[in-house]
Amino acid sequence: MNVDPDSQKHHSVTVVTLMLDEKGNPLKEAEFQHNIYPENNRKYIPYFEKELKKFIKTTKFAPANYRGYPVKCETSFLYIINSYS
């Protein structure tokens, strides 16, 4: 992920990666990668992960299609938090 270091001063980002089956259901536990700013906010990572797991559990993801047929896939999304303190 290419991010401008100056713009990152006020952003925290969590990348969530999911493996989905042909129906869009998660196949296994989500993987999280965190880039948290400022560093003392890292204590909130368990809270972010808990909330994101709830979001994943209640969201119906669309399956990927290959030549019109649903297929298993890996997908990612970003969770961005602005902090101006």
N, C-alpha and C. Protein backbone atom coordinates (compact mmCIF):
# COMPACT_ATOMS: atom_id res chain seq x y z
N MET A 1 0.85 -1.16 0.00
CA MET A 1 0.00 0.00 0.00
C MET A 1 0.89 1.23 0.00
N ASN A 2 0.74 2.11 -0.98
CA ASN A 2 1.51 3.34 -1.05
C ASN A 2 0.74 4.46 -0.38
N VAL A 3 1.33 5.02 0.68
CA VAL A 3 0.68 6.08 1.43
C VAL A 3 1.66 7.22 1.60
N ASP A 4 1.21 8.44 1.35
CA ASP A 4 2.03 9.62 1.55
C ASP A 4 2.30 9.79 3.04
N PRO A 5 3.57 9.82 3.49
CA PRO A 5 3.88 9.91 4.92
C PRO A 5 3.28 11.14 5.59
N ASP A 6 3.20 12.29 4.89
CA ASP A 6 2.62 13.48 5.50
C ASP A 6 1.13 13.32 5.75
N SER A 7 0.43 12.66 4.85
CA SER A 7 -1.01 12.47 5.04
C SER A 7 -1.29 11.43 6.12
N GLN A 8 -0.30 10.60 6.42
CA GLN A 8 -0.49 9.54 7.40
C GLN A 8 -0.41 10.05 8.84
N LYS A 9 -0.02 11.29 9.04
CA LYS A 9 0.11 11.84 10.38
C LYS A 9 -1.21 11.80 11.14
N HIS A 10 -2.32 11.82 10.42
CA HIS A 10 -3.62 11.89 11.07
C HIS A 10 -4.53 10.72 10.70
N HIS A 11 -3.95 9.65 10.20
CA HIS A 11 -4.75 8.50 9.80
C HIS A 11 -4.22 7.21 10.43
N SER A 12 -5.16 6.39 10.83
CA SER A 12 -4.84 5.02 11.20
C SER A 12 -5.58 4.13 10.22
N VAL A 13 -4.94 3.05 9.80
CA VAL A 13 -5.53 2.17 8.79
C VAL A 13 -5.42 0.73 9.26
N THR A 14 -6.51 0.00 9.09
CA THR A 14 -6.51 -1.44 9.28
C THR A 14 -6.93 -2.08 7.97
N VAL A 15 -6.12 -3.00 7.47
CA VAL A 15 -6.45 -3.75 6.26
C VAL A 15 -7.01 -5.10 6.70
N VAL A 16 -8.20 -5.42 6.21
CA VAL A 16 -8.86 -6.68 6.56
C VAL A 16 -8.85 -7.56 5.32
N THR A 17 -8.35 -8.78 5.46
CA THR A 17 -8.31 -9.73 4.34
C THR A 17 -9.20 -10.92 4.68
N LEU A 18 -10.08 -11.27 3.74
CA LEU A 18 -11.02 -12.37 3.91
C LEU A 18 -10.89 -13.37 2.77
N MET A 19 -11.08 -14.63 3.09
CA MET A 19 -11.24 -15.67 2.09
C MET A 19 -12.73 -15.97 2.05
N LEU A 20 -13.34 -15.87 0.86
CA LEU A 20 -14.78 -16.09 0.70
C LEU A 20 -15.05 -17.32 -0.14
N ASP A 21 -16.15 -18.01 0.19
CA ASP A 21 -16.55 -19.15 -0.62
C ASP A 21 -17.39 -18.67 -1.80
N GLU A 22 -17.95 -19.62 -2.56
CA GLU A 22 -18.72 -19.31 -3.76
C GLU A 22 -20.01 -18.56 -3.46
N LYS A 23 -20.45 -18.56 -2.20
CA LYS A 23 -21.67 -17.86 -1.81
C LYS A 23 -21.38 -16.52 -1.12
N GLY A 24 -20.09 -16.17 -0.98
CA GLY A 24 -19.72 -14.92 -0.34
C GLY A 24 -19.56 -15.03 1.17
N ASN A 25 -19.55 -16.25 1.69
CA ASN A 25 -19.38 -16.46 3.12
C ASN A 25 -17.90 -16.60 3.46
N PRO A 26 -17.45 -16.00 4.58
CA PRO A 26 -16.04 -16.16 4.98
C PRO A 26 -15.71 -17.63 5.24
N LEU A 27 -14.56 -18.08 4.73
CA LEU A 27 -14.12 -19.46 4.91
C LEU A 27 -13.33 -19.65 6.19
N LYS A 28 -12.65 -18.59 6.63
CA LYS A 28 -11.85 -18.69 7.84
C LYS A 28 -11.80 -17.32 8.50
N GLU A 29 -11.16 -17.27 9.65
CA GLU A 29 -11.03 -16.02 10.40
C GLU A 29 -10.33 -14.95 9.55
N ALA A 30 -10.82 -13.71 9.66
CA ALA A 30 -10.22 -12.60 8.93
C ALA A 30 -8.80 -12.34 9.42
N GLU A 31 -7.96 -11.83 8.53
CA GLU A 31 -6.60 -11.41 8.89
C GLU A 31 -6.58 -9.89 8.94
N PHE A 32 -5.89 -9.35 9.94
CA PHE A 32 -5.83 -7.90 10.13
C PHE A 32 -4.38 -7.43 10.06
N GLN A 33 -4.16 -6.30 9.39
CA GLN A 33 -2.87 -5.62 9.38
C GLN A 33 -3.14 -4.19 9.80
N HIS A 34 -2.45 -3.73 10.84
CA HIS A 34 -2.72 -2.41 11.40
C HIS A 34 -1.55 -1.46 11.17
N ASN A 35 -1.89 -0.21 10.84
CA ASN A 35 -0.93 0.88 10.81
C ASN A 35 -1.59 1.99 11.63
N ILE A 36 -1.26 2.07 12.91
CA ILE A 36 -1.95 2.94 13.86
C ILE A 36 -1.10 4.16 14.19
N TYR A 37 -1.73 5.34 14.14
CA TYR A 37 -1.07 6.58 14.51
C TYR A 37 -2.00 7.35 15.42
N PRO A 38 -1.55 7.98 16.46
CA PRO A 38 -0.23 7.87 17.06
C PRO A 38 -0.06 6.51 17.73
N GLU A 39 1.16 6.19 18.03
CA GLU A 39 1.54 4.86 18.54
C GLU A 39 0.74 4.47 19.79
N ASN A 40 0.41 5.43 20.64
CA ASN A 40 -0.31 5.08 21.88
C ASN A 40 -1.74 4.60 21.60
N ASN A 41 -2.24 4.76 20.38
CA ASN A 41 -3.57 4.25 20.04
C ASN A 41 -3.58 2.76 19.73
N ARG A 42 -2.40 2.13 19.73
CA ARG A 42 -2.34 0.68 19.46
C ARG A 42 -3.12 -0.11 20.50
N LYS A 43 -3.35 0.49 21.67
CA LYS A 43 -4.12 -0.19 22.71
C LYS A 43 -5.57 -0.45 22.27
N TYR A 44 -6.04 0.23 21.22
CA TYR A 44 -7.40 0.06 20.73
C TYR A 44 -7.54 -1.03 19.67
N ILE A 45 -6.44 -1.66 19.29
CA ILE A 45 -6.49 -2.70 18.25
C ILE A 45 -7.49 -3.81 18.60
N PRO A 46 -7.51 -4.34 19.83
CA PRO A 46 -8.52 -5.38 20.13
C PRO A 46 -9.96 -4.90 19.91
N TYR A 47 -10.22 -3.65 20.24
CA TYR A 47 -11.56 -3.09 20.02
C TYR A 47 -11.87 -3.03 18.52
N PHE A 48 -10.93 -2.52 17.70
CA PHE A 48 -11.15 -2.44 16.26
C PHE A 48 -11.44 -3.83 15.69
N GLU A 49 -10.63 -4.80 16.09
CA GLU A 49 -10.81 -6.16 15.57
C GLU A 49 -12.16 -6.74 15.98
N LYS A 50 -12.58 -6.49 17.21
CA LYS A 50 -13.87 -6.99 17.68
C LYS A 50 -15.01 -6.38 16.86
N GLU A 51 -14.95 -5.07 16.63
CA GLU A 51 -15.99 -4.39 15.86
C GLU A 51 -15.98 -4.84 14.39
N LEU A 52 -14.81 -5.02 13.82
CA LEU A 52 -14.72 -5.47 12.44
C LEU A 52 -15.23 -6.91 12.30
N LYS A 53 -14.98 -7.76 13.28
CA LYS A 53 -15.51 -9.13 13.24
C LYS A 53 -17.03 -9.12 13.28
N LYS A 54 -17.62 -8.21 14.08
CA LYS A 54 -19.08 -8.08 14.11
C LYS A 54 -19.60 -7.62 12.75
N PHE A 55 -18.90 -6.66 12.13
CA PHE A 55 -19.28 -6.18 10.81
C PHE A 55 -19.24 -7.32 9.79
N ILE A 56 -18.18 -8.10 9.82
CA ILE A 56 -18.04 -9.22 8.87
C ILE A 56 -19.15 -10.24 9.08
N LYS A 57 -19.48 -10.50 10.34
CA LYS A 57 -20.51 -11.51 10.65
C LYS A 57 -21.89 -11.08 10.16
N THR A 58 -22.17 -9.78 10.15
CA THR A 58 -23.50 -9.30 9.79
C THR A 58 -23.60 -8.81 8.34
N THR A 59 -22.51 -8.88 7.59
CA THR A 59 -22.50 -8.39 6.21
C THR A 59 -22.58 -9.55 5.23
N LYS A 60 -23.41 -9.39 4.21
CA LYS A 60 -23.49 -10.38 3.14
C LYS A 60 -22.58 -9.91 2.02
N PHE A 61 -21.47 -10.59 1.82
CA PHE A 61 -20.52 -10.24 0.77
C PHE A 61 -20.93 -10.89 -0.54
N ALA A 62 -20.74 -10.18 -1.62
CA ALA A 62 -21.03 -10.73 -2.94
C ALA A 62 -19.88 -11.65 -3.35
N PRO A 63 -20.19 -12.82 -3.87
CA PRO A 63 -19.12 -13.72 -4.31
C PRO A 63 -18.45 -13.18 -5.56
N ALA A 64 -17.20 -13.55 -5.73
CA ALA A 64 -16.50 -13.21 -6.97
C ALA A 64 -17.03 -14.10 -8.09
N ASN A 65 -16.97 -13.59 -9.31
CA ASN A 65 -17.42 -14.37 -10.46
C ASN A 65 -16.29 -14.51 -11.45
N TYR A 66 -16.22 -15.69 -12.04
CA TYR A 66 -15.28 -15.95 -13.12
C TYR A 66 -16.09 -16.56 -14.26
N ARG A 67 -16.15 -15.83 -15.37
CA ARG A 67 -16.93 -16.26 -16.54
C ARG A 67 -18.38 -16.57 -16.17
N GLY A 68 -18.90 -15.75 -15.27
CA GLY A 68 -20.31 -15.88 -14.89
C GLY A 68 -20.59 -16.87 -13.78
N TYR A 69 -19.57 -17.54 -13.28
CA TYR A 69 -19.76 -18.52 -12.21
C TYR A 69 -19.14 -18.01 -10.91
N PRO A 70 -19.85 -18.16 -9.80
CA PRO A 70 -19.27 -17.75 -8.52
C PRO A 70 -18.09 -18.65 -8.15
N VAL A 71 -17.03 -18.02 -7.62
CA VAL A 71 -15.83 -18.76 -7.24
C VAL A 71 -15.34 -18.31 -5.87
N LYS A 72 -14.50 -19.15 -5.26
CA LYS A 72 -13.84 -18.77 -4.01
C LYS A 72 -12.86 -17.63 -4.32
N CYS A 73 -12.65 -16.75 -3.35
CA CYS A 73 -11.73 -15.65 -3.61
C CYS A 73 -11.17 -15.09 -2.31
N GLU A 74 -10.13 -14.29 -2.48
CA GLU A 74 -9.58 -13.53 -1.37
C GLU A 74 -9.89 -12.07 -1.65
N THR A 75 -10.39 -11.36 -0.65
CA THR A 75 -10.73 -9.95 -0.81
C THR A 75 -10.24 -9.16 0.40
N SER A 76 -10.02 -7.88 0.20
CA SER A 76 -9.55 -7.02 1.28
C SER A 76 -10.35 -5.73 1.30
N PHE A 77 -10.43 -5.11 2.46
CA PHE A 77 -10.98 -3.77 2.56
C PHE A 77 -10.24 -3.01 3.64
N LEU A 78 -10.32 -1.68 3.55
CA LEU A 78 -9.62 -0.79 4.50
C LEU A 78 -10.61 -0.22 5.49
N TYR A 79 -10.15 -0.09 6.73
CA TYR A 79 -10.88 0.60 7.78
C TYR A 79 -9.98 1.77 8.18
N ILE A 80 -10.42 3.01 7.87
CA ILE A 80 -9.58 4.20 8.07
C ILE A 80 -10.18 5.05 9.17
N ILE A 81 -9.31 5.50 10.07
CA ILE A 81 -9.73 6.36 11.17
C ILE A 81 -8.93 7.65 11.11
N ASN A 82 -9.60 8.77 11.11
CA ASN A 82 -8.94 10.07 11.16
C ASN A 82 -8.74 10.46 12.62
N SER A 83 -7.55 10.90 12.96
CA SER A 83 -7.30 11.40 14.31
C SER A 83 -6.53 12.70 14.20
N TYR A 84 -7.04 13.72 14.82
CA TYR A 84 -6.44 15.05 14.72
C TYR A 84 -5.97 15.53 16.07
N SER A 85 -5.60 14.62 16.95
CA SER A 85 -5.12 15.05 18.26
C SER A 85 -3.63 14.97 18.35
